[in-house]
Amino acid sequence: MTDLRYPVGKLTYDSDITDGKRTAWIRQIAETPAALRAAVDGLTEAQLDTPYRPEGWTVRQVVHHVP
């Protein structure tokens, strides 16, 4: 990565919202906490305390701020 700022780029979105897409998005939101737990399961304390970019939040801080 060369540009380490956040947010990265201009927001793009899908303006064609269907019932199927809405259902998929709701399912994805519901599944996110378990996926996040699985992603960090097994990380060491040192890895959890590693920032994702210089002067950025640590993995632990990012995870803490996701419901």
PDB file of N, CA and C in Angstrom:
ATOM      1  N   MET A   1       0.844  -1.179   0.000  1.00  0.00           N
ATOM      2  CA  MET A   1       0.000   0.000   0.000  1.00  0.00           C
ATOM      3  C   MET A   1       0.883   1.233   0.000  1.00  0.00           C
ATOM      4  N   THR A   2       0.516   2.179  -0.807  1.00  0.00           N
ATOM      5  CA  THR A   2       1.274   3.419  -0.824  1.00  0.00           C
ATOM      6  C   THR A   2       0.518   4.543  -0.137  1.00  0.00           C
ATOM      7  N   ASP A   3      -0.798   4.582  -0.248  1.00  0.00           N
ATOM      8  CA  ASP A   3      -1.604   5.604   0.407  1.00  0.00           C
ATOM      9  C   ASP A   3      -2.272   4.976   1.618  1.00  0.00           C
ATOM     10  N   LEU A   4      -1.772   5.295   2.805  1.00  0.00           N
ATOM     11  CA  LEU A   4      -2.234   4.630   4.015  1.00  0.00           C
ATOM     12  C   LEU A   4      -3.321   5.410   4.753  1.00  0.00           C
ATOM     13  N   ARG A   5      -3.894   6.407   4.107  1.00  0.00           N
ATOM     14  CA  ARG A   5      -4.956   7.176   4.753  1.00  0.00           C
ATOM     15  C   ARG A   5      -6.272   6.411   4.689  1.00  0.00           C
ATOM     16  N   TYR A   6      -7.186   6.824   5.558  1.00  0.00           N
ATOM     17  CA  TYR A   6      -8.533   6.272   5.521  1.00  0.00           C
ATOM     18  C   TYR A   6      -9.494   7.442   5.572  1.00  0.00           C
ATOM     19  N   PRO A   7     -10.570   7.452   4.839  1.00  0.00           N
ATOM     20  CA  PRO A   7     -11.012   6.425   3.901  1.00  0.00           C
ATOM     21  C   PRO A   7     -10.207   6.452   2.614  1.00  0.00           C
ATOM     22  N   VAL A   8     -10.212   5.351   1.946  1.00  0.00           N
ATOM     23  CA  VAL A   8      -9.444   5.209   0.719  1.00  0.00           C
ATOM     24  C   VAL A   8     -10.390   5.370  -0.461  1.00  0.00           C
ATOM     25  N   GLY A   9     -10.229   6.453  -1.194  1.00  0.00           N
ATOM     26  CA  GLY A   9     -11.022   6.647  -2.404  1.00  0.00           C
ATOM     27  C   GLY A   9     -12.419   7.183  -2.156  1.00  0.00           C
ATOM     28  N   LYS A  10     -13.119   7.397  -3.247  1.00  0.00           N
ATOM     29  CA  LYS A  10     -14.468   7.937  -3.221  1.00  0.00           C
ATOM     30  C   LYS A  10     -15.478   6.794  -3.077  1.00  0.00           C
ATOM     31  N   LEU A  11     -16.526   7.054  -2.323  1.00  0.00           N
ATOM     32  CA  LEU A  11     -17.569   6.057  -2.111  1.00  0.00           C
ATOM     33  C   LEU A  11     -18.233   5.687  -3.432  1.00  0.00           C
ATOM     34  N   THR A  12     -18.360   4.406  -3.657  1.00  0.00           N
ATOM     35  CA  THR A  12     -19.152   3.906  -4.777  1.00  0.00           C
ATOM     36  C   THR A  12     -20.215   2.989  -4.198  1.00  0.00           C
ATOM     37  N   TYR A  13     -21.364   2.975  -4.801  1.00  0.00           N
ATOM     38  CA  TYR A  13     -22.436   2.139  -4.286  1.00  0.00           C
ATOM     39  C   TYR A  13     -23.321   1.647  -5.419  1.00  0.00           C
ATOM     40  N   ASP A  14     -24.049   0.599  -5.118  1.00  0.00           N
ATOM     41  CA  ASP A  14     -24.958  -0.017  -6.074  1.00  0.00           C
ATOM     42  C   ASP A  14     -26.335   0.612  -5.877  1.00  0.00           C
ATOM     43  N   SER A  15     -26.792   1.394  -6.824  1.00  0.00           N
ATOM     44  CA  SER A  15     -28.089   2.054  -6.682  1.00  0.00           C
ATOM     45  C   SER A  15     -29.253   1.149  -7.084  1.00  0.00           C
ATOM     46  N   ASP A  16     -28.958  -0.016  -7.635  1.00  0.00           N
ATOM     47  CA  ASP A  16     -29.991  -0.971  -8.024  1.00  0.00           C
ATOM     48  C   ASP A  16     -30.217  -1.943  -6.871  1.00  0.00           C
ATOM     49  N   ILE A  17     -31.035  -1.523  -5.906  1.00  0.00           N
ATOM     50  CA  ILE A  17     -31.264  -2.323  -4.707  1.00  0.00           C
ATOM     51  C   ILE A  17     -32.483  -3.216  -4.924  1.00  0.00           C
ATOM     52  N   THR A  18     -32.262  -4.504  -4.785  1.00  0.00           N
ATOM     53  CA  THR A  18     -33.346  -5.476  -4.935  1.00  0.00           C
ATOM     54  C   THR A  18     -33.580  -6.171  -3.599  1.00  0.00           C
ATOM     55  N   ASP A  19     -34.699  -6.876  -3.491  1.00  0.00           N
ATOM     56  CA  ASP A  19     -34.965  -7.643  -2.267  1.00  0.00           C
ATOM     57  C   ASP A  19     -33.881  -8.688  -2.030  1.00  0.00           C
ATOM     58  N   GLY A  20     -33.406  -9.306  -3.100  1.00  0.00           N
ATOM     59  CA  GLY A  20     -32.354 -10.312  -2.970  1.00  0.00           C
ATOM     60  C   GLY A  20     -31.055  -9.726  -2.448  1.00  0.00           C
ATOM     61  N   LYS A  21     -30.681  -8.550  -2.971  1.00  0.00           N
ATOM     62  CA  LYS A  21     -29.459  -7.891  -2.499  1.00  0.00           C
ATOM     63  C   LYS A  21     -29.617  -7.481  -1.045  1.00  0.00           C
ATOM     64  N   ARG A  22     -30.774  -6.937  -0.696  1.00  0.00           N
ATOM     65  CA  ARG A  22     -31.017  -6.512   0.681  1.00  0.00           C
ATOM     66  C   ARG A  22     -30.909  -7.712   1.629  1.00  0.00           C
ATOM     67  N   THR A  23     -31.485  -8.816   1.255  1.00  0.00           N
ATOM     68  CA  THR A  23     -31.411 -10.034   2.072  1.00  0.00           C
ATOM     69  C   THR A  23     -29.966 -10.497   2.230  1.00  0.00           C
ATOM     70  N   ALA A  24     -29.200 -10.452   1.149  1.00  0.00           N
ATOM     71  CA  ALA A  24     -27.790 -10.859   1.200  1.00  0.00           C
ATOM     72  C   ALA A  24     -26.990  -9.921   2.096  1.00  0.00           C
ATOM     73  N   TRP A  25     -27.257  -8.624   2.015  1.00  0.00           N
ATOM     74  CA  TRP A  25     -26.535  -7.658   2.852  1.00  0.00           C
ATOM     75  C   TRP A  25     -26.855  -7.873   4.327  1.00  0.00           C
ATOM     76  N   ILE A  26     -28.113  -8.126   4.642  1.00  0.00           N
ATOM     77  CA  ILE A  26     -28.503  -8.379   6.032  1.00  0.00           C
ATOM     78  C   ILE A  26     -27.814  -9.638   6.549  1.00  0.00           C
ATOM     79  N   ARG A  27     -27.768 -10.674   5.735  1.00  0.00           N
ATOM     80  CA  ARG A  27     -27.092 -11.915   6.128  1.00  0.00           C
ATOM     81  C   ARG A  27     -25.598 -11.654   6.351  1.00  0.00           C
ATOM     82  N   GLN A  28     -24.985 -10.876   5.457  1.00  0.00           N
ATOM     83  CA  GLN A  28     -23.559 -10.574   5.587  1.00  0.00           C
ATOM     84  C   GLN A  28     -23.284  -9.808   6.882  1.00  0.00           C
ATOM     85  N   ILE A  29     -24.137  -8.845   7.205  1.00  0.00           N
ATOM     86  CA  ILE A  29     -23.969  -8.095   8.453  1.00  0.00           C
ATOM     87  C   ILE A  29     -24.091  -9.032   9.652  1.00  0.00           C
ATOM     88  N   ALA A  30     -25.063  -9.926   9.624  1.00  0.00           N
ATOM     89  CA  ALA A  30     -25.260 -10.865  10.732  1.00  0.00           C
ATOM     90  C   ALA A  30     -24.078 -11.814  10.894  1.00  0.00           C
ATOM     91  N   GLU A  31     -23.434 -12.180   9.796  1.00  0.00           N
ATOM     92  CA  GLU A  31     -22.319 -13.131   9.833  1.00  0.00           C
ATOM     93  C   GLU A  31     -20.973 -12.475  10.153  1.00  0.00           C
ATOM     94  N   THR A  32     -20.898 -11.163  10.070  1.00  0.00           N
ATOM     95  CA  THR A  32     -19.622 -10.467  10.235  1.00  0.00           C
ATOM     96  C   THR A  32     -18.968 -10.688  11.601  1.00  0.00           C
ATOM     97  N   PRO A  33     -19.681 -10.594  12.733  1.00  0.00           N
ATOM     98  CA  PRO A  33     -19.005 -10.810  14.017  1.00  0.00           C
ATOM     99  C   PRO A  33     -18.317 -12.173  14.120  1.00  0.00           C
ATOM    100  N   ALA A  34     -18.975 -13.229  13.679  1.00  0.00           N
ATOM    101  CA  ALA A  34     -18.365 -14.564  13.738  1.00  0.00           C
ATOM    102  C   ALA A  34     -17.165 -14.658  12.801  1.00  0.00           C
ATOM    103  N   ALA A  35     -17.267 -14.047  11.638  1.00  0.00           N
ATOM    104  CA  ALA A  35     -16.148 -14.062  10.694  1.00  0.00           C
ATOM    105  C   ALA A  35     -14.955 -13.297  11.264  1.00  0.00           C
ATOM    106  N   LEU A  36     -15.226 -12.191  11.945  1.00  0.00           N
ATOM    107  CA  LEU A  36     -14.150 -11.415  12.558  1.00  0.00           C
ATOM    108  C   LEU A  36     -13.493 -12.201  13.687  1.00  0.00           C
ATOM    109  N   ARG A  37     -14.304 -12.853  14.520  1.00  0.00           N
ATOM    110  CA  ARG A  37     -13.733 -13.690  15.589  1.00  0.00           C
ATOM    111  C   ARG A  37     -12.853 -14.784  15.004  1.00  0.00           C
ATOM    112  N   ALA A  38     -13.313 -15.416  13.944  1.00  0.00           N
ATOM    113  CA  ALA A  38     -12.527 -16.479  13.308  1.00  0.00           C
ATOM    114  C   ALA A  38     -11.232 -15.928  12.723  1.00  0.00           C
ATOM    115  N   ALA A  39     -11.282 -14.712  12.193  1.00  0.00           N
ATOM    116  CA  ALA A  39     -10.098 -14.117  11.570  1.00  0.00           C
ATOM    117  C   ALA A  39      -8.999 -13.822  12.586  1.00  0.00           C
ATOM    118  N   VAL A  40      -9.382 -13.460  13.808  1.00  0.00           N
ATOM    119  CA  VAL A  40      -8.371 -13.105  14.805  1.00  0.00           C
ATOM    120  C   VAL A  40      -8.076 -14.240  15.784  1.00  0.00           C
ATOM    121  N   ASP A  41      -8.862 -15.311  15.723  1.00  0.00           N
ATOM    122  CA  ASP A  41      -8.636 -16.450  16.609  1.00  0.00           C
ATOM    123  C   ASP A  41      -7.243 -17.016  16.368  1.00  0.00           C
ATOM    124  N   GLY A  42      -6.499 -17.156  17.434  1.00  0.00           N
ATOM    125  CA  GLY A  42      -5.162 -17.715  17.303  1.00  0.00           C
ATOM    126  C   GLY A  42      -4.061 -16.677  17.156  1.00  0.00           C
ATOM    127  N   LEU A  43      -4.434 -15.396  17.010  1.00  0.00           N
ATOM    128  CA  LEU A  43      -3.389 -14.371  16.946  1.00  0.00           C
ATOM    129  C   LEU A  43      -2.745 -14.222  18.322  1.00  0.00           C
ATOM    130  N   THR A  44      -1.476 -13.936  18.331  1.00  0.00           N
ATOM    131  CA  THR A  44      -0.766 -13.725  19.591  1.00  0.00           C
ATOM    132  C   THR A  44      -1.083 -12.329  20.125  1.00  0.00           C
ATOM    133  N   GLU A  45      -0.739 -12.105  21.386  1.00  0.00           N
ATOM    134  CA  GLU A  45      -0.921 -10.770  21.967  1.00  0.00           C
ATOM    135  C   GLU A  45      -0.150  -9.728  21.154  1.00  0.00           C
ATOM    136  N   ALA A  46       1.061 -10.081  20.735  1.00  0.00           N
ATOM    137  CA  ALA A  46       1.872  -9.150  19.942  1.00  0.00           C
ATOM    138  C   ALA A  46       1.195  -8.833  18.612  1.00  0.00           C
ATOM    139  N   GLN A  47       0.613  -9.835  17.982  1.00  0.00           N
ATOM    140  CA  GLN A  47      -0.085  -9.596  16.716  1.00  0.00           C
ATOM    141  C   GLN A  47      -1.320  -8.725  16.935  1.00  0.00           C
ATOM    142  N   LEU A  48      -2.052  -8.964  18.014  1.00  0.00           N
ATOM    143  CA  LEU A  48      -3.229  -8.149  18.311  1.00  0.00           C
ATOM    144  C   LEU A  48      -2.855  -6.698  18.580  1.00  0.00           C
ATOM    145  N   ASP A  49      -1.649  -6.477  19.087  1.00  0.00           N
ATOM    146  CA  ASP A  49      -1.203  -5.124  19.409  1.00  0.00           C
ATOM    147  C   ASP A  49      -0.389  -4.479  18.292  1.00  0.00           C
ATOM    148  N   THR A  50      -0.448  -5.044  17.100  1.00  0.00           N
ATOM    149  CA  THR A  50       0.264  -4.511  15.943  1.00  0.00           C
ATOM    150  C   THR A  50      -0.663  -3.592  15.155  1.00  0.00           C
ATOM    151  N   PRO A  51      -0.233  -2.348  14.889  1.00  0.00           N
ATOM    152  CA  PRO A  51      -1.072  -1.461  14.074  1.00  0.00           C
ATOM    153  C   PRO A  51      -1.084  -1.914  12.618  1.00  0.00           C
ATOM    154  N   TYR A  52      -2.204  -1.650  11.945  1.00  0.00           N
ATOM    155  CA  TYR A  52      -2.318  -2.061  10.544  1.00  0.00           C
ATOM    156  C   TYR A  52      -1.593  -1.107   9.608  1.00  0.00           C
ATOM    157  N   ARG A  53      -1.209   0.067  10.133  1.00  0.00           N
ATOM    158  CA  ARG A  53      -0.400   1.027   9.382  1.00  0.00           C
ATOM    159  C   ARG A  53       0.348   1.874  10.402  1.00  0.00           C
ATOM    160  N   PRO A  54       1.424   2.551   9.997  1.00  0.00           N
ATOM    161  CA  PRO A  54       2.145   3.409  10.944  1.00  0.00           C
ATOM    162  C   PRO A  54       1.198   4.431  11.576  1.00  0.00           C
ATOM    163  N   GLU A  55       1.243   4.544  12.887  1.00  0.00           N
ATOM    164  CA  GLU A  55       0.409   5.455  13.667  1.00  0.00           C
ATOM    165  C   GLU A  55      -1.079   5.137  13.559  1.00  0.00           C
ATOM    166  N   GLY A  56      -1.415   3.945  13.110  1.00  0.00           N
ATOM    167  CA  GLY A  56      -2.816   3.535  12.996  1.00  0.00           C
ATOM    168  C   GLY A  56      -3.247   2.711  14.194  1.00  0.00           C
ATOM    169  N   TRP A  57      -4.502   2.325  14.185  1.00  0.00           N
ATOM    170  CA  TRP A  57      -5.031   1.479  15.243  1.00  0.00           C
ATOM    171  C   TRP A  57      -4.408   0.098  15.177  1.00  0.00           C
ATOM    172  N   THR A  58      -4.385  -0.554  16.333  1.00  0.00           N
ATOM    173  CA  THR A  58      -3.925  -1.940  16.381  1.00  0.00           C
ATOM    174  C   THR A  58      -5.075  -2.853  15.959  1.00  0.00           C
ATOM    175  N   VAL A  59      -4.743  -4.097  15.698  1.00  0.00           N
ATOM    176  CA  VAL A  59      -5.781  -5.082  15.376  1.00  0.00           C
ATOM    177  C   VAL A  59      -6.795  -5.130  16.519  1.00  0.00           C
ATOM    178  N   ARG A  60      -6.309  -5.123  17.746  1.00  0.00           N
ATOM    179  CA  ARG A  60      -7.184  -5.172  18.926  1.00  0.00           C
ATOM    180  C   ARG A  60      -8.157  -3.985  18.940  1.00  0.00           C
ATOM    181  N   GLN A  61      -7.667  -2.797  18.628  1.00  0.00           N
ATOM    182  CA  GLN A  61      -8.527  -1.614  18.620  1.00  0.00           C
ATOM    183  C   GLN A  61      -9.573  -1.680  17.507  1.00  0.00           C
ATOM    184  N   VAL A  62      -9.167  -2.141  16.344  1.00  0.00           N
ATOM    185  CA  VAL A  62     -10.119  -2.264  15.236  1.00  0.00           C
ATOM    186  C   VAL A  62     -11.222  -3.246  15.607  1.00  0.00           C
ATOM    187  N   VAL A  63     -10.832  -4.405  16.132  1.00  0.00           N
ATOM    188  CA  VAL A  63     -11.812  -5.428  16.508  1.00  0.00           C
ATOM    189  C   VAL A  63     -12.747  -4.898  17.588  1.00  0.00           C
ATOM    190  N   HIS A  64     -12.212  -4.148  18.534  1.00  0.00           N
ATOM    191  CA  HIS A  64     -13.023  -3.600  19.622  1.00  0.00           C
ATOM    192  C   HIS A  64     -14.108  -2.660  19.097  1.00  0.00           C
ATOM    193  N   HIS A  65     -13.848  -1.972  18.014  1.00  0.00           N
ATOM    194  CA  HIS A  65     -14.793  -0.988  17.485  1.00  0.00           C
ATOM    195  C   HIS A  65     -15.790  -1.565  16.485  1.00  0.00           C
ATOM    196  N   VAL A  66     -15.733  -2.856  16.243  1.00  0.00           N
ATOM    197  CA  VAL A  66     -16.710  -3.509  15.371  1.00  0.00           C
ATOM    198  C   VAL A  66     -17.687  -4.261  16.264  1.00  0.00           C
ATOM    199  N   PRO A  67     -18.985  -3.993  16.124  1.00  0.00           N
ATOM    200  CA  PRO A  67     -19.948  -4.664  17.018  1.00  0.00           C
ATOM    201  C   PRO A  67     -19.991  -6.160  16.817  1.00  0.00           C
TER     202      PRO A  67
END
